PDB file of N, CA and C in Angstrom:
ATOM      1  N   MET A   1      77.239  65.564  24.963  1.00  0.00           N
ATOM      2  CA  MET A   1      76.653  66.281  23.689  1.00  0.00           C
ATOM      3  C   MET A   1      77.171  66.262  22.570  1.00  0.00           C
ATOM      4  N   ILE A   2      76.889  66.082  21.094  1.00  0.00           N
ATOM      5  CA  ILE A   2      76.218  65.812  19.917  1.00  0.00           C
ATOM      6  C   ILE A   2      75.945  67.116  19.593  1.00  0.00           C
ATOM      7  N   ASN A   3      77.570  67.678  19.187  1.00  0.00           N
ATOM      8  CA  ASN A   3      77.194  69.421  17.816  1.00  0.00           C
ATOM      9  C   ASN A   3      76.329  68.865  17.269  1.00  0.00           C
ATOM     10  N   GLU A   4      75.331  69.945  16.917  1.00  0.00           N
ATOM     11  CA  GLU A   4      74.877  70.079  15.742  1.00  0.00           C
ATOM     12  C   GLU A   4      75.267  70.212  14.484  1.00  0.00           C
ATOM     13  N   GLU A   5      76.087  70.369  14.220  1.00  0.00           N
ATOM     14  CA  GLU A   5      77.057  70.599  13.273  1.00  0.00           C
ATOM     15  C   GLU A   5      77.380  69.340  12.935  1.00  0.00           C
ATOM     16  N   ASN A   6      78.026  68.560  13.947  1.00  0.00           N
ATOM     17  CA  ASN A   6      78.934  67.261  13.305  1.00  0.00           C
ATOM     18  C   ASN A   6      77.803  65.965  13.333  1.00  0.00           C
ATOM     19  N   SER A   7      76.879  66.113  13.690  1.00  0.00           N
ATOM     20  CA  SER A   7      75.645  65.500  13.644  1.00  0.00           C
ATOM     21  C   SER A   7      75.328  64.418  12.638  1.00  0.00           C
ATOM     22  N   SER A   8      76.095  64.986  12.126  1.00  0.00           N
ATOM     23  CA  SER A   8      75.462  63.856  10.453  1.00  0.00           C
ATOM     24  C   SER A   8      76.457  63.144   9.903  1.00  0.00           C
ATOM     25  N   LEU A   9      78.132  62.992  10.494  1.00  0.00           N
ATOM     26  CA  LEU A   9      79.547  63.000  10.037  1.00  0.00           C
ATOM     27  C   LEU A   9      79.202  61.041  10.304  1.00  0.00           C
ATOM     28  N   CYS A  10      79.898  60.244   9.318  1.00  0.00           N
ATOM     29  CA  CYS A  10      79.738  59.544   9.670  1.00  0.00           C
ATOM     30  C   CYS A  10      80.540  59.212  10.087  1.00  0.00           C
ATOM     31  N   PRO A  11      81.006  58.099  11.111  1.00  0.00           N
ATOM     32  CA  PRO A  11      82.033  57.605  12.433  1.00  0.00           C
ATOM     33  C   PRO A  11      83.304  56.992  11.264  1.00  0.00           C
ATOM     34  N   VAL A  12      82.478  56.381  10.712  1.00  0.00           N
ATOM     35  CA  VAL A  12      83.236  55.577   9.237  1.00  0.00           C
ATOM     36  C   VAL A  12      84.544  56.364   8.400  1.00  0.00           C
ATOM     37  N   SER A  13      83.629  57.394   8.101  1.00  0.00           N
ATOM     38  CA  SER A  13      84.553  58.393   7.127  1.00  0.00           C
ATOM     39  C   SER A  13      85.622  58.989   8.359  1.00  0.00           C
ATOM     40  N   GLU A  14      85.172  59.117   9.048  1.00  0.00           N
ATOM     41  CA  GLU A  14      86.145  60.455   9.843  1.00  0.00           C
ATOM     42  C   GLU A  14      87.991  59.221  10.640  1.00  0.00           C
ATOM     43  N   ALA A  15      86.513  57.905  11.000  1.00  0.00           N
ATOM     44  CA  ALA A  15      88.032  57.482  10.799  1.00  0.00           C
ATOM     45  C   ALA A  15      89.688  56.202   9.792  1.00  0.00           C
ATOM     46  N   LEU A  16      88.104  56.870   8.701  1.00  0.00           N
ATOM     47  CA  LEU A  16      89.047  56.946   6.921  1.00  0.00           C
ATOM     48  C   LEU A  16      89.872  57.731   6.839  1.00  0.00           C
ATOM     49  N   LYS A  17      89.122  58.940   7.080  1.00  0.00           N
ATOM     50  CA  LYS A  17      89.814  60.077   7.670  1.00  0.00           C
ATOM     51  C   LYS A  17      91.329  59.691   7.594  1.00  0.00           C
ATOM     52  N   VAL A  18      91.142  59.251   8.790  1.00  0.00           N
ATOM     53  CA  VAL A  18      93.242  59.174   9.806  1.00  0.00           C
ATOM     54  C   VAL A  18      93.749  58.033   9.470  1.00  0.00           C
ATOM     55  N   ILE A  19      92.192  57.082   9.395  1.00  0.00           N
ATOM     56  CA  ILE A  19      93.851  56.148   9.657  1.00  0.00           C
ATOM     57  C   ILE A  19      93.961  54.648   7.583  1.00  0.00           C
ATOM     58  N   GLY A  20      92.607  55.982   7.305  1.00  0.00           N
ATOM     59  CA  GLY A  20      92.871  55.336   5.567  1.00  0.00           C
ATOM     60  C   GLY A  20      94.002  55.896   4.586  1.00  0.00           C
ATOM     61  N   GLY A  21      94.399  55.394   3.019  1.00  0.00           N
ATOM     62  CA  GLY A  21      95.014  55.100   2.530  1.00  0.00           C
ATOM     63  C   GLY A  21      96.398  53.996   1.935  1.00  0.00           C
ATOM     64  N   LYS A  22      96.841  54.443   1.277  1.00  0.00           N
ATOM     65  CA  LYS A  22      97.470  53.164   0.626  1.00  0.00           C
ATOM     66  C   LYS A  22      98.908  52.515   1.916  1.00  0.00           C
ATOM     67  N   TRP A  23      99.355  53.508   2.578  1.00  0.00           N
ATOM     68  CA  TRP A  23     100.173  52.778   3.319  1.00  0.00           C
ATOM     69  C   TRP A  23     100.052  53.339   4.787  1.00  0.00           C
ATOM     70  N   ARG A  24      98.838  54.867   5.541  1.00  0.00           N
ATOM     71  CA  ARG A  24      98.785  54.668   7.142  1.00  0.00           C
ATOM     72  C   ARG A  24      99.220  53.252   8.252  1.00  0.00           C
ATOM     73  N   LEU A  25      98.386  52.259   7.569  1.00  0.00           N
ATOM     74  CA  LEU A  25      97.893  51.010   8.014  1.00  0.00           C
ATOM     75  C   LEU A  25      99.438  50.547   8.584  1.00  0.00           C
ATOM     76  N   GLN A  26     100.077  50.626   6.807  1.00  0.00           N
ATOM     77  CA  GLN A  26     101.785  49.763   7.143  1.00  0.00           C
ATOM     78  C   GLN A  26     102.295  50.279   8.286  1.00  0.00           C
ATOM     79  N   ILE A  27     102.289  51.411   8.033  1.00  0.00           N
ATOM     80  CA  ILE A  27     103.557  51.983   9.323  1.00  0.00           C
ATOM     81  C   ILE A  27     102.857  52.315  10.040  1.00  0.00           C
ATOM     82  N   ILE A  28     101.912  52.521  10.937  1.00  0.00           N
ATOM     83  CA  ILE A  28     101.397  52.007  12.054  1.00  0.00           C
ATOM     84  C   ILE A  28     101.839  50.807  12.710  1.00  0.00           C
ATOM     85  N   TYR A  29     102.093  49.423  11.607  1.00  0.00           N
ATOM     86  CA  TYR A  29     101.510  48.104  12.120  1.00  0.00           C
ATOM     87  C   TYR A  29     103.269  48.190  12.035  1.00  0.00           C
ATOM     88  N   GLU A  30     103.856  49.161  11.824  1.00  0.00           N
ATOM     89  CA  GLU A  30     105.765  48.148  11.637  1.00  0.00           C
ATOM     90  C   GLU A  30     105.528  48.785  12.667  1.00  0.00           C
ATOM     91  N   ILE A  31     105.468  50.273  13.379  1.00  0.00           N
ATOM     92  CA  ILE A  31     105.657  50.995  14.189  1.00  0.00           C
ATOM     93  C   ILE A  31     105.173  49.756  15.661  1.00  0.00           C
ATOM     94  N   GLY A  32     104.115  50.196  15.420  1.00  0.00           N
ATOM     95  CA  GLY A  32     103.588  49.132  16.348  1.00  0.00           C
ATOM     96  C   GLY A  32     103.381  49.168  17.731  1.00  0.00           C
ATOM     97  N   ASP A  33     104.700  48.477  18.780  1.00  0.00           N
ATOM     98  CA  ASP A  33     104.311  49.499  20.049  1.00  0.00           C
ATOM     99  C   ASP A  33     106.370  49.749  20.765  1.00  0.00           C
ATOM    100  N   GLN A  34     107.203  49.796  19.692  1.00  0.00           N
ATOM    101  CA  GLN A  34     107.866  49.940  19.756  1.00  0.00           C
ATOM    102  C   GLN A  34     108.797  51.835  18.665  1.00  0.00           C
ATOM    103  N   LYS A  35     109.942  52.141  18.707  1.00  0.00           N
ATOM    104  CA  LYS A  35     110.356  53.276  18.294  1.00  0.00           C
ATOM    105  C   LYS A  35     110.863  53.028  17.248  1.00  0.00           C
ATOM    106  N   ARG A  36     110.585  53.078  16.788  1.00  0.00           N
ATOM    107  CA  ARG A  36     111.556  53.049  14.282  1.00  0.00           C
ATOM    108  C   ARG A  36     112.081  54.867  14.079  1.00  0.00           C
ATOM    109  N   ARG A  37     113.327  53.982  13.762  1.00  0.00           N
ATOM    110  CA  ARG A  37     113.392  55.714  13.129  1.00  0.00           C
ATOM    111  C   ARG A  37     113.654  55.360  11.577  1.00  0.00           C
ATOM    112  N   PHE A  38     113.287  56.550  10.556  1.00  0.00           N
ATOM    113  CA  PHE A  38     112.839  56.408   9.205  1.00  0.00           C
ATOM    114  C   PHE A  38     113.978  55.572   8.745  1.00  0.00           C
ATOM    115  N   GLY A  39     114.561  55.233   8.741  1.00  0.00           N
ATOM    116  CA  GLY A  39     115.414  54.323   8.062  1.00  0.00           C
ATOM    117  C   GLY A  39     115.020  53.362   8.199  1.00  0.00           C
ATOM    118  N   GLU A  40     114.735  53.034   9.454  1.00  0.00           N
ATOM    119  CA  GLU A  40     113.836  50.961  10.082  1.00  0.00           C
ATOM    120  C   GLU A  40     112.056  51.299   9.146  1.00  0.00           C
ATOM    121  N   LEU A  41     111.820  52.698   9.001  1.00  0.00           N
ATOM    122  CA  LEU A  41     110.345  52.009   8.166  1.00  0.00           C
ATOM    123  C   LEU A  41     111.102  52.073   6.905  1.00  0.00           C
ATOM    124  N   LYS A  42     111.925  52.750   6.245  1.00  0.00           N
ATOM    125  CA  LYS A  42     111.728  52.631   4.973  1.00  0.00           C
ATOM    126  C   LYS A  42     112.478  51.000   4.368  1.00  0.00           C
ATOM    127  N   ARG A  43     113.483  50.571   5.153  1.00  0.00           N
ATOM    128  CA  ARG A  43     113.792  49.467   5.141  1.00  0.00           C
ATOM    129  C   ARG A  43     112.367  48.036   5.096  1.00  0.00           C
ATOM    130  N   LEU A  44     111.611  48.086   6.335  1.00  0.00           N
ATOM    131  CA  LEU A  44     110.288  47.786   6.455  1.00  0.00           C
ATOM    132  C   LEU A  44     109.862  47.814   5.305  1.00  0.00           C
ATOM    133  N   ILE A  45     109.094  48.860   5.077  1.00  0.00           N
ATOM    134  CA  ILE A  45     108.171  49.029   3.514  1.00  0.00           C
ATOM    135  C   ILE A  45     109.235  49.424   2.808  1.00  0.00           C
ATOM    136  N   PRO A  46     109.329  48.446   1.849  1.00  0.00           N
ATOM    137  CA  PRO A  46     110.232  48.750   1.307  1.00  0.00           C
ATOM    138  C   PRO A  46     110.164  49.413  -0.015  1.00  0.00           C
ATOM    139  N   SER A  47     108.433  49.166  -0.455  1.00  0.00           N
ATOM    140  CA  SER A  47     107.424  49.682  -2.121  1.00  0.00           C
ATOM    141  C   SER A  47     107.066  50.973  -1.446  1.00  0.00           C
ATOM    142  N   ILE A  48     107.187  51.970  -0.947  1.00  0.00           N
ATOM    143  CA  ILE A  48     107.238  52.859  -0.488  1.00  0.00           C
ATOM    144  C   ILE A  48     108.123  53.978  -1.027  1.00  0.00           C
ATOM    145  N   SER A  49     107.497  55.147  -1.249  1.00  0.00           N
ATOM    146  CA  SER A  49     108.709  56.156  -1.854  1.00  0.00           C
ATOM    147  C   SER A  49     109.568  56.885  -0.804  1.00  0.00           C
ATOM    148  N   GLU A  50     110.287  57.853  -0.659  1.00  0.00           N
ATOM    149  CA  GLU A  50     111.278  58.070   0.281  1.00  0.00           C
ATOM    150  C   GLU A  50     110.429  59.318   0.920  1.00  0.00           C
ATOM    151  N   LYS A  51     109.581  59.885  -0.490  1.00  0.00           N
ATOM    152  CA  LYS A  51     108.751  61.513  -0.522  1.00  0.00           C
ATOM    153  C   LYS A  51     108.024  61.045   0.338  1.00  0.00           C
ATOM    154  N   MET A  52     106.840  59.734  -0.476  1.00  0.00           N
ATOM    155  CA  MET A  52     105.603  59.212   0.400  1.00  0.00           C
ATOM    156  C   MET A  52     105.596  58.378   1.874  1.00  0.00           C
ATOM    157  N   LEU A  53     106.813  58.363   2.084  1.00  0.00           N
ATOM    158  CA  LEU A  53     107.171  58.298   3.805  1.00  0.00           C
ATOM    159  C   LEU A  53     106.995  59.650   4.775  1.00  0.00           C
ATOM    160  N   ILE A  54     107.730  59.902   4.055  1.00  0.00           N
ATOM    161  CA  ILE A  54     107.670  61.998   4.400  1.00  0.00           C
ATOM    162  C   ILE A  54     106.646  62.453   5.078  1.00  0.00           C
ATOM    163  N   GLN A  55     105.822  61.942   3.754  1.00  0.00           N
ATOM    164  CA  GLN A  55     104.678  63.033   3.601  1.00  0.00           C
ATOM    165  C   GLN A  55     103.630  62.404   5.101  1.00  0.00           C
ATOM    166  N   GLU A  56     103.443  60.784   4.894  1.00  0.00           N
ATOM    167  CA  GLU A  56     102.449  60.122   4.996  1.00  0.00           C
ATOM    168  C   GLU A  56     103.475  59.611   7.312  1.00  0.00           C
ATOM    169  N   LEU A  57     104.025  60.218   6.896  1.00  0.00           N
ATOM    170  CA  LEU A  57     104.598  60.702   8.400  1.00  0.00           C
ATOM    171  C   LEU A  57     103.815  61.500   9.262  1.00  0.00           C
ATOM    172  N   LYS A  58     104.317  62.458   8.614  1.00  0.00           N
ATOM    173  CA  LYS A  58     104.104  64.194   9.021  1.00  0.00           C
ATOM    174  C   LYS A  58     102.810  63.991   8.872  1.00  0.00           C
ATOM    175  N   ASN A  59     102.083  63.120   8.242  1.00  0.00           N
ATOM    176  CA  ASN A  59     100.174  63.285   8.265  1.00  0.00           C
ATOM    177  C   ASN A  59      99.959  62.626   9.920  1.00  0.00           C
ATOM    178  N   LEU A  60     100.678  61.977  10.431  1.00  0.00           N
ATOM    179  CA  LEU A  60     100.350  61.197  11.285  1.00  0.00           C
ATOM    180  C   LEU A  60     100.948  61.944  12.406  1.00  0.00           C
ATOM    181  N   VAL A  61     101.832  61.844  12.278  1.00  0.00           N
ATOM    182  CA  VAL A  61     102.265  63.356  12.973  1.00  0.00           C
ATOM    183  C   VAL A  61     101.340  64.045  13.998  1.00  0.00           C
ATOM    184  N   ALA A  62     100.928  64.997  12.673  1.00  0.00           N
ATOM    185  CA  ALA A  62      99.755  66.143  12.717  1.00  0.00           C
ATOM    186  C   ALA A  62      98.931  65.702  12.798  1.00  0.00           C
ATOM    187  N   LEU A  63      97.958  64.106  13.138  1.00  0.00           N
ATOM    188  CA  LEU A  63      96.351  63.991  13.543  1.00  0.00           C
ATOM    189  C   LEU A  63      96.611  63.872  14.414  1.00  0.00           C
ATOM    190  N   GLY A  64      98.043  63.263  15.932  1.00  0.00           N
ATOM    191  CA  GLY A  64      98.201  63.081  16.843  1.00  0.00           C
ATOM    192  C   GLY A  64      97.896  61.638  17.122  1.00  0.00           C
ATOM    193  N   ILE A  65      98.609  60.275  16.073  1.00  0.00           N
ATOM    194  CA  ILE A  65      99.137  59.214  15.421  1.00  0.00           C
ATOM    195  C   ILE A  65     100.345  59.195  16.215  1.00  0.00           C
ATOM    196  N   LEU A  66     100.910  59.328  16.283  1.00  0.00           N
ATOM    197  CA  LEU A  66     102.229  58.762  16.534  1.00  0.00           C
ATOM    198  C   LEU A  66     102.812  60.836  16.803  1.00  0.00           C
ATOM    199  N   ARG A  67     103.845  60.313  17.549  1.00  0.00           N
ATOM    200  CA  ARG A  67     105.467  61.166  17.711  1.00  0.00           C
ATOM    201  C   ARG A  67     106.398  60.771  17.666  1.00  0.00           C
ATOM    202  N   ARG A  68     106.695  62.480  17.379  1.00  0.00           N
ATOM    203  CA  ARG A  68     108.471  61.849  16.240  1.00  0.00           C
ATOM    204  C   ARG A  68     108.908  63.265  17.583  1.00  0.00           C
ATOM    205  N   LYS A  69     110.740  62.240  18.522  1.00  0.00           N
ATOM    206  CA  LYS A  69     111.023  62.063  18.940  1.00  0.00           C
ATOM    207  C   LYS A  69     112.161  62.764  18.096  1.00  0.00           C
ATOM    208  N   ALA A  70     113.158  63.805  18.311  1.00  0.00           N
ATOM    209  CA  ALA A  70     114.185  64.572  17.595  1.00  0.00           C
ATOM    210  C   ALA A  70     115.681  64.736  18.901  1.00  0.00           C
ATOM    211  N   TYR A  71     116.553  64.372  18.697  1.00  0.00           N
ATOM    212  CA  TYR A  71     117.272  64.490  19.330  1.00  0.00           C
ATOM    213  C   TYR A  71     118.777  65.092  18.907  1.00  0.00           C
ATOM    214  N   LYS A  72     118.751  66.261  19.827  1.00  0.00           N
ATOM    215  CA  LYS A  72     120.254  66.823  19.192  1.00  0.00           C
ATOM    216  C   LYS A  72     121.325  66.529  19.826  1.00  0.00           C
ATOM    217  N   GLU A  73     121.853  65.984  18.652  1.00  0.00           N
ATOM    218  CA  GLU A  73     122.687  65.174  17.745  1.00  0.00           C
ATOM    219  C   GLU A  73     123.735  64.886  16.437  1.00  0.00           C
ATOM    220  N   ILE A  74     124.637  64.700  16.593  1.00  0.00           N
ATOM    221  CA  ILE A  74     125.211  65.497  15.081  1.00  0.00           C
ATOM    222  C   ILE A  74     125.576  63.381  14.525  1.00  0.00           C
ATOM    223  N   PRO A  75     125.016  62.732  13.700  1.00  0.00           N
ATOM    224  CA  PRO A  75     124.397  62.910  12.836  1.00  0.00           C
ATOM    225  C   PRO A  75     122.679  62.844  13.597  1.00  0.00           C
ATOM    226  N   PRO A  76     121.046  64.048  12.996  1.00  0.00           N
ATOM    227  CA  PRO A  76     120.856  64.246  14.107  1.00  0.00           C
ATOM    228  C   PRO A  76     120.192  62.436  13.862  1.00  0.00           C
ATOM    229  N   ARG A  77     119.001  62.867  14.812  1.00  0.00           N
ATOM    230  CA  ARG A  77     118.111  61.234  15.079  1.00  0.00           C
ATOM    231  C   ARG A  77     116.513  61.836  15.561  1.00  0.00           C
ATOM    232  N   VAL A  78     116.062  60.646  14.694  1.00  0.00           N
ATOM    233  CA  VAL A  78     114.633  61.338  14.913  1.00  0.00           C
ATOM    234  C   VAL A  78     114.411  59.880  14.999  1.00  0.00           C
ATOM    235  N   GLU A  79     112.913  60.033  15.924  1.00  0.00           N
ATOM    236  CA  GLU A  79     111.955  58.304  16.336  1.00  0.00           C
ATOM    237  C   GLU A  79     110.755  59.114  16.230  1.00  0.00           C
ATOM    238  N   TYR A  80     110.498  58.107  15.822  1.00  0.00           N
ATOM    239  CA  TYR A  80     108.703  57.836  15.456  1.00  0.00           C
ATOM    240  C   TYR A  80     108.007  56.033  16.184  1.00  0.00           C
ATOM    241  N   SER A  81     106.936  56.923  17.537  1.00  0.00           N
ATOM    242  CA  SER A  81     105.977  56.278  18.529  1.00  0.00           C
ATOM    243  C   SER A  81     104.727  56.624  18.165  1.00  0.00           C
ATOM    244  N   LEU A  82     104.032  55.351  18.708  1.00  0.00           N
ATOM    245  CA  LEU A  82     102.422  55.312  18.808  1.00  0.00           C
ATOM    246  C   LEU A  82     102.345  56.418  19.784  1.00  0.00           C
ATOM    247  N   THR A  83     101.663  57.238  19.526  1.00  0.00           N
ATOM    248  CA  THR A  83     100.628  58.286  20.891  1.00  0.00           C
ATOM    249  C   THR A  83      99.635  56.858  21.082  1.00  0.00           C
ATOM    250  N   LYS A  84      99.154  57.273  22.706  1.00  0.00           N
ATOM    251  CA  LYS A  84      98.170  56.557  22.919  1.00  0.00           C
ATOM    252  C   LYS A  84      96.982  57.249  22.340  1.00  0.00           C
ATOM    253  N   HIS A  85      96.783  57.426  21.192  1.00  0.00           N
ATOM    254  CA  HIS A  85      95.608  57.227  20.585  1.00  0.00           C
ATOM    255  C   HIS A  85      95.595  56.618  18.977  1.00  0.00           C
ATOM    256  N   GLY A  86      97.285  56.750  18.859  1.00  0.00           N
ATOM    257  CA  GLY A  86      97.680  56.000  17.948  1.00  0.00           C
ATOM    258  C   GLY A  86      97.806  54.782  18.019  1.00  0.00           C
ATOM    259  N   GLU A  87      97.296  54.174  19.138  1.00  0.00           N
ATOM    260  CA  GLU A  87      97.979  53.181  19.819  1.00  0.00           C
ATOM    261  C   GLU A  87      96.131  52.368  19.294  1.00  0.00           C
ATOM    262  N   LYS A  88      95.167  53.003  19.280  1.00  0.00           N
ATOM    263  CA  LYS A  88      93.888  52.242  19.528  1.00  0.00           C
ATOM    264  C   LYS A  88      93.733  51.296  18.198  1.00  0.00           C
ATOM    265  N   VAL A  89      94.812  51.370  17.270  1.00  0.00           N
ATOM    266  CA  VAL A  89      94.902  51.241  16.026  1.00  0.00           C
ATOM    267  C   VAL A  89      94.852  49.710  15.954  1.00  0.00           C
ATOM    268  N   LEU A  90      95.650  49.639  16.822  1.00  0.00           N
ATOM    269  CA  LEU A  90      96.381  48.566  17.213  1.00  0.00           C
ATOM    270  C   LEU A  90      95.433  47.140  16.463  1.00  0.00           C
ATOM    271  N   PRO A  91      94.333  47.383  17.802  1.00  0.00           N
ATOM    272  CA  PRO A  91      94.051  45.924  17.346  1.00  0.00           C
ATOM    273  C   PRO A  91      92.226  46.308  16.246  1.00  0.00           C
ATOM    274  N   ILE A  92      92.329  47.106  15.623  1.00  0.00           N
ATOM    275  CA  ILE A  92      91.575  46.746  13.914  1.00  0.00           C
ATOM    276  C   ILE A  92      92.856  46.465  13.740  1.00  0.00           C
ATOM    277  N   ILE A  93      94.382  46.658  12.915  1.00  0.00           N
ATOM    278  CA  ILE A  93      95.047  46.023  12.273  1.00  0.00           C
ATOM    279  C   ILE A  93      95.056  44.900  12.735  1.00  0.00           C
ATOM    280  N   GLU A  94      94.294  44.640  13.945  1.00  0.00           N
ATOM    281  CA  GLU A  94      95.138  42.980  13.717  1.00  0.00           C
ATOM    282  C   GLU A  94      94.289  42.069  13.458  1.00  0.00           C
ATOM    283  N   HIS A  95      92.630  42.608  13.699  1.00  0.00           N
ATOM    284  CA  HIS A  95      91.598  42.175  12.526  1.00  0.00           C
ATOM    285  C   HIS A  95      91.336  41.823  11.455  1.00  0.00           C
ATOM    286  N   ILE A  96      92.380  43.376  10.708  1.00  0.00           N
ATOM    287  CA  ILE A  96      92.919  42.882   9.483  1.00  0.00           C
ATOM    288  C   ILE A  96      93.810  41.969   9.372  1.00  0.00           C
ATOM    289  N   LYS A  97      94.832  41.487   9.592  1.00  0.00           N
ATOM    290  CA  LYS A  97      96.028  40.742   9.649  1.00  0.00           C
ATOM    291  C   LYS A  97      95.055  39.058  10.023  1.00  0.00           C
ATOM    292  N   VAL A  98      93.876  39.166  10.800  1.00  0.00           N
ATOM    293  CA  VAL A  98      93.225  37.925  10.218  1.00  0.00           C
ATOM    294  C   VAL A  98      92.140  37.531   9.347  1.00  0.00           C
ATOM    295  N   PHE A  99      91.916  38.697   9.119  1.00  0.00           N
ATOM    296  CA  PHE A  99      90.971  38.762   7.508  1.00  0.00           C
ATOM    297  C   PHE A  99      91.976  37.981   6.553  1.00  0.00           C
ATOM    298  N   GLY A 100      93.369  39.360   6.449  1.00  0.00           N
ATOM    299  CA  GLY A 100      94.044  38.194   5.230  1.00  0.00           C
ATOM    300  C   GLY A 100      94.771  37.518   4.754  1.00  0.00           C
ATOM    301  N   ASN A 101      94.747  37.106   6.596  1.00  0.00           N
ATOM    302  CA  ASN A 101      95.649  35.346   6.436  1.00  0.00           C
ATOM    303  C   ASN A 101      94.495  34.320   6.532  1.00  0.00           C
ATOM    304  N   GLU A 102      93.068  34.605   6.467  1.00  0.00           N
ATOM    305  CA  GLU A 102      91.876  33.699   6.130  1.00  0.00           C
ATOM    306  C   GLU A 102      92.342  34.094   4.389  1.00  0.00           C
ATOM    307  N   LEU A 103      92.089  35.115   3.808  1.00  0.00           N
ATOM    308  CA  LEU A 103      91.994  34.479   2.726  1.00  0.00           C
ATOM    309  C   LEU A 103      92.963  34.564   1.959  1.00  0.00           C
ATOM    310  N   ILE A 104      93.799  34.392   2.267  1.00  0.00           N
ATOM    311  CA  ILE A 104      95.208  33.878   2.123  1.00  0.00           C
ATOM    312  C   ILE A 104      94.624  32.278   2.194  1.00  0.00           C
ATOM    313  N   SER A 105      94.437  31.989   3.000  1.00  0.00           N
ATOM    314  CA  SER A 105      93.895  30.314   3.420  1.00  0.00           C
ATOM    315  C   SER A 105      93.274  29.760   2.512  1.00  0.00           C
ATOM    316  N   GLY A 106      92.692  30.310   1.869  1.00  0.00           N
ATOM    317  CA  GLY A 106      91.090  29.918   1.064  1.00  0.00           C
ATOM    318  C   GLY A 106      91.983  30.082  -0.159  1.00  0.00           C
ATOM    319  N   MET A 107      93.065  30.879  -0.390  1.00  0.00           N
ATOM    320  CA  MET A 107      93.961  30.505  -1.931  1.00  0.00           C
ATOM    321  C   MET A 107      93.924  29.383  -1.885  1.00  0.00           C
ATOM    322  N   LYS A 108      94.091  28.984  -0.880  1.00  0.00           N
ATOM    323  CA  LYS A 108      94.813  27.595  -1.002  1.00  0.00           C
ATOM    324  C   LYS A 108      94.356  26.630  -1.398  1.00  0.00           C
TER     325      LYS A 108
END
């Protein structure tokens, strides 16, 4: 049943609140079906600043897209992985990847 307060919400706008922005899709893509540590993500996305990566990881965890697991070790170890909700974004990214490859092919 649709809540009357939410009946005017645009599904695309709501999705973009979660996965929009410059870095979120790339972070989700790089994590994929693996567990990734912060340093790995920084190496995989070298153009993102450390501050922005930290901020986006926190946001994606808060939105339920990523899971953060901290191990009680010295030095501390933290791993990020996709939640079930986050895994739903992977097919979207695959479509974007295909579209991007078509654009690149058209430029040749």
